[in-house]
Structure formats: C-alpha cells, structure tokens
C-alpha cells in the first residue's frame, strides 16, 4: 500500500511539473493555464503514439504506455479528466503554442534551443541517444557512421 501511495504521489508531482512546464505555450507561466484547465476540468495531453513503451497504440487501437499511465494517475489525483491527443511530433511546439494541447508528455529531450521555446519541468527520465547495429557490424563508434544512411525520428534530437 505504501508503494502505491508513493507512486501516486510521485506521479502527481511529476505531472504537475509537466503541466506547469507545458501549459500556455512558449515561455508563459502555468498559473493562468492551470486555471483554464481546472475550470474546464479537462487536461489535454499532447503525445507521440509511436514511442513504445512510453506511448503507443495497442492491438485494440487504444493509446497505452508508461507516460499514458502517469498522465492518467496525475489527472485523477488533480481531479481533472485527461484527454490524450496524439500529435505530429515534428510539430510539437506548434501544437503547444496554438493551444491545441495543454502540455507535452513524452520523451522530449531538453536542450538550449528548446529551452528558448518552452518552459520545462524537471525531467523524470534521462534520454540518451544510442546507436544500434547488427552484432556482426564493423561499426563500433559514432564517427564511423559518416557517409552511412541512418534512421532517426523526424523532429527528434537524434537528427542533430
């Protein structure tokens, strides 16, 4: 029971941090945006549904994943309904700025350029870029990728 309470509390704190980070778009503080969410009783969460295990579509075409579970737990704790809004991850800042979503809740790597566009919460997960090759590959370091075609998610920090 104690573990469940701790997990719920952590989810609430993290979720509220995300809410204040994402609400209102741009560098706007979260106070007015939270009031809007609270008045509606609805928190619209923008997420990438092509990011398992964080957020993805299951065999029943339902959005599931770790981030989804956390967002739902936070919404319950805060007394608001969570509406999941799948977005084009390449357009995530535009979705936020246009008010189509109240916040972004996904693996969204913090970097200096992005800090100029949005207000971030403290991260609850550390993102790292890794290179995956076949076991028999001669590639053992990033520099060896020069001139080789590599697959990455459009709009992600992996592109950089």
N, C-alpha and C. Protein backbone atom coordinates (compact mmCIF):
# COMPACT_ATOMS: atom_id res chain seq x y z
N UNK A 1 0.82 -1.19 0.00
CA UNK A 1 0.00 0.00 0.00
C UNK A 1 0.86 1.25 0.00
N UNK A 2 1.94 1.21 0.80
CA UNK A 2 2.84 2.35 0.89
C UNK A 2 3.48 2.64 -0.47
N UNK A 3 3.84 1.59 -1.22
CA UNK A 3 4.45 1.76 -2.53
C UNK A 3 3.47 2.42 -3.50
N UNK A 4 2.19 2.01 -3.45
CA UNK A 4 1.19 2.60 -4.33
C UNK A 4 1.00 4.07 -4.02
N UNK A 5 0.97 4.43 -2.73
CA UNK A 5 0.81 5.83 -2.34
C UNK A 5 2.00 6.64 -2.81
N UNK A 6 3.20 6.11 -2.64
CA UNK A 6 4.41 6.79 -3.07
C UNK A 6 4.41 6.99 -4.59
N UNK A 7 4.04 5.96 -5.32
CA UNK A 7 3.99 6.06 -6.79
C UNK A 7 2.97 7.10 -7.23
N UNK A 8 1.81 7.11 -6.60
CA UNK A 8 0.78 8.09 -6.95
C UNK A 8 1.23 9.51 -6.63
N UNK A 9 1.88 9.67 -5.50
CA UNK A 9 2.38 10.99 -5.12
C UNK A 9 3.45 11.47 -6.09
N UNK A 10 4.35 10.57 -6.45
CA UNK A 10 5.40 10.92 -7.40
C UNK A 10 4.79 11.29 -8.74
N UNK A 11 3.82 10.52 -9.19
CA UNK A 11 3.17 10.81 -10.46
C UNK A 11 2.50 12.17 -10.42
N UNK A 12 1.88 12.50 -9.31
CA UNK A 12 1.20 13.79 -9.18
C UNK A 12 2.19 14.93 -9.26
N UNK A 13 3.28 14.81 -8.53
CA UNK A 13 4.30 15.87 -8.54
C UNK A 13 4.90 16.03 -9.93
N UNK A 14 5.24 14.90 -10.54
CA UNK A 14 5.82 14.97 -11.87
C UNK A 14 4.83 15.53 -12.88
N UNK A 15 3.61 15.08 -12.80
CA UNK A 15 2.60 15.56 -13.73
C UNK A 15 2.33 17.03 -13.57
N UNK A 16 2.25 17.49 -12.34
CA UNK A 16 2.03 18.92 -12.11
C UNK A 16 3.20 19.71 -12.65
N UNK A 17 4.41 19.19 -12.50
CA UNK A 17 5.58 19.86 -13.06
C UNK A 17 5.46 19.96 -14.57
N UNK A 18 5.01 18.86 -15.21
CA UNK A 18 4.81 18.89 -16.65
C UNK A 18 3.73 19.89 -17.02
N UNK A 19 2.68 19.91 -16.24
CA UNK A 19 1.59 20.83 -16.52
C UNK A 19 2.08 22.26 -16.50
N UNK A 20 2.78 22.61 -15.48
CA UNK A 20 3.29 23.98 -15.38
C UNK A 20 4.33 24.25 -16.45
N UNK A 21 5.03 23.23 -16.88
CA UNK A 21 6.03 23.40 -17.92
C UNK A 21 5.39 23.65 -19.27
N UNK A 22 4.32 22.92 -19.56
CA UNK A 22 3.78 22.97 -20.90
C UNK A 22 2.61 23.90 -21.11
N UNK A 23 1.88 24.21 -20.09
CA UNK A 23 0.65 24.97 -20.28
C UNK A 23 0.89 26.35 -20.84
N UNK A 24 0.03 26.72 -21.75
CA UNK A 24 0.04 28.07 -22.27
C UNK A 24 1.00 28.29 -23.41
N UNK A 25 1.85 27.36 -23.69
CA UNK A 25 2.79 27.52 -24.79
C UNK A 25 3.90 28.49 -24.46
N UNK A 26 4.91 28.47 -25.29
CA UNK A 26 6.03 29.40 -25.16
C UNK A 26 6.58 29.47 -23.75
N UNK A 27 6.94 30.67 -23.33
CA UNK A 27 7.53 30.87 -22.01
C UNK A 27 6.48 31.27 -20.97
N UNK A 28 5.20 31.17 -21.29
CA UNK A 28 4.14 31.56 -20.38
C UNK A 28 4.20 30.73 -19.10
N UNK A 29 4.00 31.37 -17.97
CA UNK A 29 3.94 30.64 -16.71
C UNK A 29 2.64 29.86 -16.64
N UNK A 30 2.55 28.88 -15.77
CA UNK A 30 1.43 27.96 -15.74
C UNK A 30 0.21 28.42 -14.97
N UNK A 31 0.25 29.52 -14.20
CA UNK A 31 -0.87 29.88 -13.33
C UNK A 31 -2.17 30.06 -14.10
N UNK A 32 -2.20 30.92 -15.12
CA UNK A 32 -3.42 31.15 -15.89
C UNK A 32 -3.83 29.90 -16.65
N UNK A 33 -2.87 29.16 -17.15
CA UNK A 33 -3.17 27.95 -17.90
C UNK A 33 -3.77 26.89 -16.99
N UNK A 34 -3.25 26.76 -15.79
CA UNK A 34 -3.81 25.78 -14.86
C UNK A 34 -5.23 26.15 -14.51
N UNK A 35 -5.51 27.44 -14.34
CA UNK A 35 -6.86 27.90 -14.02
C UNK A 35 -7.82 27.50 -15.15
N UNK A 36 -7.36 27.65 -16.39
CA UNK A 36 -8.17 27.27 -17.55
C UNK A 36 -8.47 25.77 -17.52
N UNK A 37 -7.45 24.97 -17.24
CA UNK A 37 -7.61 23.51 -17.17
C UNK A 37 -8.57 23.16 -16.03
N UNK A 38 -8.35 23.77 -14.89
CA UNK A 38 -9.18 23.50 -13.72
C UNK A 38 -10.64 23.87 -13.98
N UNK A 39 -10.87 25.02 -14.60
CA UNK A 39 -12.24 25.45 -14.91
C UNK A 39 -12.94 24.49 -15.86
N UNK A 40 -12.21 24.00 -16.86
CA UNK A 40 -12.78 23.04 -17.82
C UNK A 40 -12.88 21.64 -17.23
N UNK A 41 -12.00 21.36 -16.25
CA UNK A 41 -11.94 20.00 -15.72
C UNK A 41 -11.31 19.04 -16.70
N UNK A 42 -10.56 19.58 -17.66
CA UNK A 42 -10.01 18.79 -18.75
C UNK A 42 -8.57 19.19 -19.01
N UNK A 43 -7.69 18.22 -19.03
CA UNK A 43 -6.28 18.41 -19.33
C UNK A 43 -5.97 17.71 -20.65
N UNK A 44 -5.63 18.48 -21.67
CA UNK A 44 -5.34 17.91 -22.99
C UNK A 44 -3.84 17.67 -23.10
N UNK A 45 -3.48 16.41 -23.21
CA UNK A 45 -2.09 15.98 -23.21
C UNK A 45 -1.67 15.64 -24.64
N UNK A 46 -0.68 16.34 -25.16
CA UNK A 46 -0.12 16.04 -26.46
C UNK A 46 0.99 15.01 -26.33
N UNK A 47 0.92 13.95 -27.12
CA UNK A 47 1.94 12.92 -27.04
C UNK A 47 2.14 12.23 -28.38
N UNK A 48 3.28 11.61 -28.50
CA UNK A 48 3.64 10.83 -29.68
C UNK A 48 3.21 9.39 -29.42
N UNK A 49 2.36 8.86 -30.26
CA UNK A 49 1.88 7.48 -30.05
C UNK A 49 2.73 6.46 -30.82
N UNK A 50 3.90 6.89 -31.23
CA UNK A 50 4.85 6.00 -31.90
C UNK A 50 6.13 5.89 -31.09
N UNK A 51 5.98 5.83 -29.76
CA UNK A 51 7.14 5.88 -28.87
C UNK A 51 7.03 4.83 -27.76
N UNK A 52 6.92 3.53 -28.14
CA UNK A 52 6.83 2.50 -27.11
C UNK A 52 8.14 2.42 -26.32
N UNK A 53 8.09 2.15 -25.07
CA UNK A 53 6.94 1.79 -24.24
C UNK A 53 6.26 3.00 -23.60
N UNK A 54 6.67 4.21 -23.97
CA UNK A 54 6.14 5.42 -23.34
C UNK A 54 4.70 5.71 -23.79
N UNK A 55 4.46 5.68 -25.08
CA UNK A 55 3.12 5.91 -25.62
C UNK A 55 3.01 5.22 -26.97
N UNK A 56 1.98 4.40 -27.14
CA UNK A 56 1.80 3.67 -28.40
C UNK A 56 0.38 3.14 -28.48
N UNK A 57 0.00 2.67 -29.67
CA UNK A 57 -1.32 2.11 -29.89
C UNK A 57 -1.23 0.59 -29.69
N UNK A 58 -2.15 0.06 -28.86
CA UNK A 58 -2.15 -1.39 -28.64
C UNK A 58 -2.99 -2.08 -29.72
N UNK A 59 -3.17 -3.39 -29.57
CA UNK A 59 -3.91 -4.17 -30.57
C UNK A 59 -5.38 -3.78 -30.67
N UNK A 60 -5.92 -3.07 -29.65
CA UNK A 60 -7.31 -2.59 -29.68
C UNK A 60 -7.40 -1.14 -30.14
N UNK A 61 -6.28 -0.60 -30.64
CA UNK A 61 -6.20 0.77 -31.12
C UNK A 61 -6.40 1.79 -29.99
N UNK A 62 -6.04 1.38 -28.76
CA UNK A 62 -6.09 2.28 -27.61
C UNK A 62 -4.68 2.80 -27.35
N UNK A 63 -4.60 4.05 -26.86
CA UNK A 63 -3.30 4.63 -26.53
C UNK A 63 -2.91 4.14 -25.15
N UNK A 64 -1.74 3.53 -25.06
CA UNK A 64 -1.25 2.95 -23.81
C UNK A 64 0.22 3.30 -23.64
N UNK A 65 0.76 3.01 -22.48
CA UNK A 65 2.18 3.18 -22.24
C UNK A 65 2.45 3.82 -20.89
N UNK A 66 3.72 3.88 -20.54
CA UNK A 66 4.16 4.42 -19.25
C UNK A 66 3.71 5.87 -19.07
N UNK A 67 3.96 6.72 -20.08
CA UNK A 67 3.55 8.12 -19.98
C UNK A 67 2.03 8.26 -19.86
N UNK A 68 1.31 7.42 -20.56
CA UNK A 68 -0.16 7.43 -20.50
C UNK A 68 -0.63 7.09 -19.10
N UNK A 69 -0.06 6.03 -18.51
CA UNK A 69 -0.43 5.64 -17.15
C UNK A 69 -0.14 6.77 -16.16
N UNK A 70 1.03 7.40 -16.31
CA UNK A 70 1.37 8.51 -15.41
C UNK A 70 0.42 9.69 -15.58
N UNK A 71 0.13 10.06 -16.82
CA UNK A 71 -0.76 11.19 -17.07
C UNK A 71 -2.15 10.92 -16.48
N UNK A 72 -2.64 9.71 -16.64
CA UNK A 72 -3.96 9.36 -16.10
C UNK A 72 -3.96 9.42 -14.58
N UNK A 73 -2.90 8.93 -13.96
CA UNK A 73 -2.80 8.96 -12.49
C UNK A 73 -2.74 10.40 -11.99
N UNK A 74 -2.01 11.24 -12.68
CA UNK A 74 -1.91 12.64 -12.28
C UNK A 74 -3.26 13.34 -12.45
N UNK A 75 -3.93 13.09 -13.56
CA UNK A 75 -5.25 13.69 -13.77
C UNK A 75 -6.22 13.30 -12.68
N UNK A 76 -6.20 12.04 -12.30
CA UNK A 76 -7.07 11.56 -11.22
C UNK A 76 -6.74 12.27 -9.92
N UNK A 77 -5.46 12.36 -9.61
CA UNK A 77 -5.02 13.00 -8.37
C UNK A 77 -5.39 14.48 -8.35
N UNK A 78 -5.32 15.14 -9.51
CA UNK A 78 -5.62 16.57 -9.60
C UNK A 78 -7.11 16.85 -9.81
N UNK A 79 -7.89 15.80 -10.02
CA UNK A 79 -9.33 15.97 -10.18
C UNK A 79 -9.75 16.49 -11.54
N UNK A 80 -8.97 16.19 -12.58
CA UNK A 80 -9.34 16.60 -13.94
C UNK A 80 -9.34 15.37 -14.85
N UNK A 81 -10.10 15.45 -15.90
CA UNK A 81 -10.12 14.41 -16.91
C UNK A 81 -8.95 14.62 -17.85
N UNK A 82 -8.25 13.56 -18.18
CA UNK A 82 -7.14 13.64 -19.13
C UNK A 82 -7.63 13.21 -20.50
N UNK A 83 -7.39 14.06 -21.48
CA UNK A 83 -7.69 13.72 -22.87
C UNK A 83 -6.37 13.58 -23.60
N UNK A 84 -6.12 12.40 -24.13
CA UNK A 84 -4.89 12.14 -24.88
C UNK A 84 -5.07 12.61 -26.31
N UNK A 85 -4.13 13.43 -26.77
CA UNK A 85 -4.22 13.98 -28.10
C UNK A 85 -2.95 13.62 -28.88
N UNK A 86 -3.00 12.55 -29.69
CA UNK A 86 -1.83 12.20 -30.49
C UNK A 86 -1.48 13.36 -31.42
N UNK A 87 -0.19 13.70 -31.48
CA UNK A 87 0.24 14.82 -32.31
C UNK A 87 1.39 14.38 -33.22
N UNK A 88 1.60 15.17 -34.26
CA UNK A 88 2.76 15.01 -35.11
C UNK A 88 3.95 15.52 -34.31
N UNK A 89 4.84 14.64 -33.95
CA UNK A 89 5.93 15.02 -33.04
C UNK A 89 6.81 16.11 -33.63
N UNK A 90 6.88 16.19 -34.93
CA UNK A 90 7.68 17.24 -35.57
C UNK A 90 7.07 18.62 -35.31
N UNK A 91 5.77 18.66 -35.06
CA UNK A 91 5.06 19.94 -34.86
C UNK A 91 4.70 20.17 -33.40
N UNK A 92 5.39 19.52 -32.48
CA UNK A 92 5.01 19.55 -31.06
C UNK A 92 4.95 20.96 -30.48
N UNK A 93 5.94 21.81 -30.77
CA UNK A 93 5.92 23.16 -30.23
C UNK A 93 4.77 23.98 -30.83
N UNK A 94 4.48 23.76 -32.11
CA UNK A 94 3.36 24.47 -32.75
C UNK A 94 2.03 24.07 -32.13
N UNK A 95 1.86 22.79 -31.83
CA UNK A 95 0.64 22.30 -31.18
C UNK A 95 0.46 22.97 -29.82
N UNK A 96 1.55 23.09 -29.08
CA UNK A 96 1.52 23.71 -27.76
C UNK A 96 1.24 25.20 -27.87
N UNK A 97 1.95 25.88 -28.75
CA UNK A 97 1.77 27.32 -28.91
C UNK A 97 0.37 27.68 -29.41
N UNK A 98 -0.20 26.83 -30.24
CA UNK A 98 -1.54 27.09 -30.79
C UNK A 98 -2.64 26.77 -29.78
N UNK A 99 -2.28 26.19 -28.64
CA UNK A 99 -3.28 25.85 -27.63
C UNK A 99 -4.06 24.60 -27.94
N UNK A 100 -3.59 23.80 -28.90
CA UNK A 100 -4.28 22.55 -29.23
C UNK A 100 -4.07 21.51 -28.13
N UNK A 101 -2.98 21.66 -27.38
CA UNK A 101 -2.71 20.80 -26.23
C UNK A 101 -2.30 21.70 -25.06
N UNK A 102 -2.55 21.22 -23.85
CA UNK A 102 -2.16 21.98 -22.66
C UNK A 102 -0.71 21.73 -22.28
N UNK A 103 -0.20 20.56 -22.65
CA UNK A 103 1.18 20.22 -22.34
C UNK A 103 1.64 19.08 -23.23
N UNK A 104 2.95 18.89 -23.27
CA UNK A 104 3.56 17.76 -23.98
C UNK A 104 4.03 16.77 -22.94
N UNK A 105 3.69 15.52 -23.15
CA UNK A 105 4.08 14.50 -22.17
C UNK A 105 4.66 13.32 -22.93
N UNK A 106 5.95 13.34 -23.12
CA UNK A 106 6.66 12.30 -23.86
C UNK A 106 8.15 12.46 -23.63
N UNK A 107 8.92 11.62 -24.25
CA UNK A 107 10.37 11.78 -24.21
C UNK A 107 10.75 13.00 -25.03
N UNK A 108 10.93 14.11 -24.36
CA UNK A 108 11.19 15.39 -25.02
C UNK A 108 12.51 15.93 -24.45
N UNK A 109 13.58 15.65 -25.16
CA UNK A 109 14.91 15.97 -24.67
C UNK A 109 15.09 17.47 -24.48
N UNK A 110 15.62 17.83 -23.32
CA UNK A 110 15.87 19.24 -23.01
C UNK A 110 17.19 19.65 -23.63
N UNK A 111 17.16 20.71 -24.43
CA UNK A 111 18.40 21.30 -24.94
C UNK A 111 18.23 22.83 -24.94
N UNK A 112 19.30 23.54 -25.20
CA UNK A 112 19.29 25.00 -25.09
C UNK A 112 18.30 25.64 -26.06
N UNK A 113 18.24 25.15 -27.28
CA UNK A 113 17.32 25.70 -28.28
C UNK A 113 15.86 25.54 -27.83
N UNK A 114 15.54 24.38 -27.31
CA UNK A 114 14.18 24.12 -26.85
C UNK A 114 13.84 24.93 -25.60
N UNK A 115 14.82 25.18 -24.75
CA UNK A 115 14.58 25.99 -23.55
C UNK A 115 14.14 27.40 -23.91
N UNK A 116 14.51 27.87 -25.10
CA UNK A 116 14.09 29.20 -25.56
C UNK A 116 12.63 29.20 -26.01
N UNK A 117 12.08 28.03 -26.31
CA UNK A 117 10.72 27.92 -26.83
C UNK A 117 9.68 27.53 -25.80
N UNK A 118 10.07 26.68 -24.85
CA UNK A 118 9.12 26.16 -23.87
C UNK A 118 9.70 26.19 -22.47
N UNK A 119 8.82 26.11 -21.50
CA UNK A 119 9.22 26.02 -20.11
C UNK A 119 9.18 24.55 -19.71
N UNK A 120 10.31 24.01 -19.28
CA UNK A 120 10.41 22.59 -18.95
C UNK A 120 10.24 22.35 -17.45
N UNK A 121 9.72 21.18 -17.13
CA UNK A 121 9.74 20.69 -15.75
C UNK A 121 11.09 20.02 -15.52
N UNK A 122 11.30 19.57 -14.30
CA UNK A 122 12.45 18.72 -14.04
C UNK A 122 12.17 17.38 -14.73
N UNK A 123 13.15 16.81 -15.39
CA UNK A 123 12.91 15.53 -16.08
C UNK A 123 12.70 14.38 -15.10
N UNK A 124 11.86 13.44 -15.49
CA UNK A 124 11.67 12.23 -14.68
C UNK A 124 12.37 11.04 -15.30
N UNK A 125 12.99 11.28 -16.45
CA UNK A 125 13.68 10.22 -17.17
C UNK A 125 14.81 10.85 -17.96
N UNK A 126 15.95 10.20 -17.99
CA UNK A 126 17.08 10.70 -18.75
C UNK A 126 17.08 10.06 -20.13
N UNK A 127 17.05 10.89 -21.16
CA UNK A 127 17.13 10.40 -22.54
C UNK A 127 18.59 10.30 -22.94
N UNK A 128 18.93 9.23 -23.62
CA UNK A 128 20.26 9.07 -24.20
C UNK A 128 20.11 8.57 -25.62
N UNK A 129 20.96 9.03 -26.47
CA UNK A 129 20.98 8.55 -27.84
C UNK A 129 21.95 7.37 -27.91
N UNK A 130 21.51 6.30 -28.52
CA UNK A 130 22.37 5.13 -28.69
C UNK A 130 22.35 4.71 -30.15
N UNK A 131 23.38 4.03 -30.55
CA UNK A 131 23.49 3.51 -31.91
C UNK A 131 23.33 2.00 -31.83
N UNK A 132 22.42 1.46 -32.62
CA UNK A 132 22.16 0.03 -32.62
C UNK A 132 22.53 -0.51 -34.01
N UNK A 133 23.41 -1.48 -34.02
CA UNK A 133 23.83 -2.11 -35.27
C UNK A 133 23.77 -3.63 -35.09
N UNK A 134 23.81 -4.33 -36.19
CA UNK A 134 23.85 -5.79 -36.10
C UNK A 134 25.14 -6.23 -35.41
N UNK A 135 25.05 -7.35 -34.75
CA UNK A 135 26.19 -7.87 -33.98
C UNK A 135 27.46 -7.99 -34.83
N UNK A 136 27.31 -8.39 -36.08
CA UNK A 136 28.48 -8.58 -36.93
C UNK A 136 28.98 -7.30 -37.58
N UNK A 137 28.36 -6.17 -37.29
CA UNK A 137 28.76 -4.89 -37.88
C UNK A 137 30.16 -4.47 -37.44
N UNK A 138 30.87 -3.81 -38.34
CA UNK A 138 32.20 -3.28 -38.02
C UNK A 138 32.11 -1.92 -37.33
N UNK A 139 30.92 -1.33 -37.28
CA UNK A 139 30.74 -0.02 -36.65
C UNK A 139 30.77 -0.17 -35.13
N UNK A 140 31.69 0.56 -34.52
CA UNK A 140 31.83 0.50 -33.06
C UNK A 140 31.78 1.88 -32.41
N UNK A 141 31.78 2.96 -33.21
CA UNK A 141 31.69 4.31 -32.64
C UNK A 141 30.98 5.24 -33.63
N UNK A 142 30.47 6.33 -33.10
CA UNK A 142 29.67 7.27 -33.87
C UNK A 142 30.39 7.80 -35.10
N UNK A 143 31.66 8.10 -35.00
CA UNK A 143 32.42 8.66 -36.11
C UNK A 143 32.39 7.74 -37.34
N UNK A 144 32.23 6.46 -37.13
CA UNK A 144 32.20 5.50 -38.23
C UNK A 144 30.88 5.53 -39.01
N UNK A 145 29.94 6.34 -38.58
CA UNK A 145 28.67 6.48 -39.29
C UNK A 145 28.74 7.50 -40.42
N UNK A 146 29.83 8.24 -40.52
CA UNK A 146 29.97 9.26 -41.57
C UNK A 146 29.74 8.63 -42.93
N UNK A 147 28.82 9.24 -43.69
CA UNK A 147 28.51 8.76 -45.02
C UNK A 147 27.55 7.58 -45.08
N UNK A 148 27.07 7.13 -43.94
CA UNK A 148 26.16 5.99 -43.89
C UNK A 148 24.74 6.51 -43.63
N UNK A 149 23.75 5.91 -44.31
CA UNK A 149 22.36 6.30 -44.09
C UNK A 149 21.89 5.74 -42.74
N UNK A 150 21.30 6.63 -41.92
CA UNK A 150 20.87 6.26 -40.57
C UNK A 150 19.40 6.64 -40.41
N UNK A 151 18.63 5.79 -39.74
CA UNK A 151 17.22 6.07 -39.49
C UNK A 151 17.03 6.72 -38.12
N UNK A 152 16.33 7.86 -38.08
CA UNK A 152 16.01 8.56 -36.84
C UNK A 152 14.60 9.11 -36.94
N UNK A 153 14.03 9.50 -35.81
CA UNK A 153 12.69 10.09 -35.81
C UNK A 153 12.78 11.55 -36.23
N UNK A 154 11.98 11.94 -37.22
CA UNK A 154 11.95 13.32 -37.70
C UNK A 154 11.53 14.25 -36.57
N UNK A 155 12.26 15.33 -36.39
CA UNK A 155 11.94 16.29 -35.36
C UNK A 155 12.51 15.96 -33.99
N UNK A 156 13.27 14.87 -33.90
CA UNK A 156 13.84 14.47 -32.62
C UNK A 156 15.27 14.98 -32.49
N UNK A 157 15.80 14.94 -31.28
CA UNK A 157 17.19 15.34 -31.08
C UNK A 157 18.15 14.36 -31.72
N UNK A 158 17.68 13.18 -32.07
CA UNK A 158 18.54 12.22 -32.77
C UNK A 158 18.98 12.76 -34.12
N UNK A 159 18.17 13.61 -34.74
CA UNK A 159 18.53 14.21 -36.02
C UNK A 159 19.80 15.03 -35.86
N UNK A 160 19.88 15.79 -34.76
CA UNK A 160 21.08 16.60 -34.51
C UNK A 160 22.28 15.73 -34.31
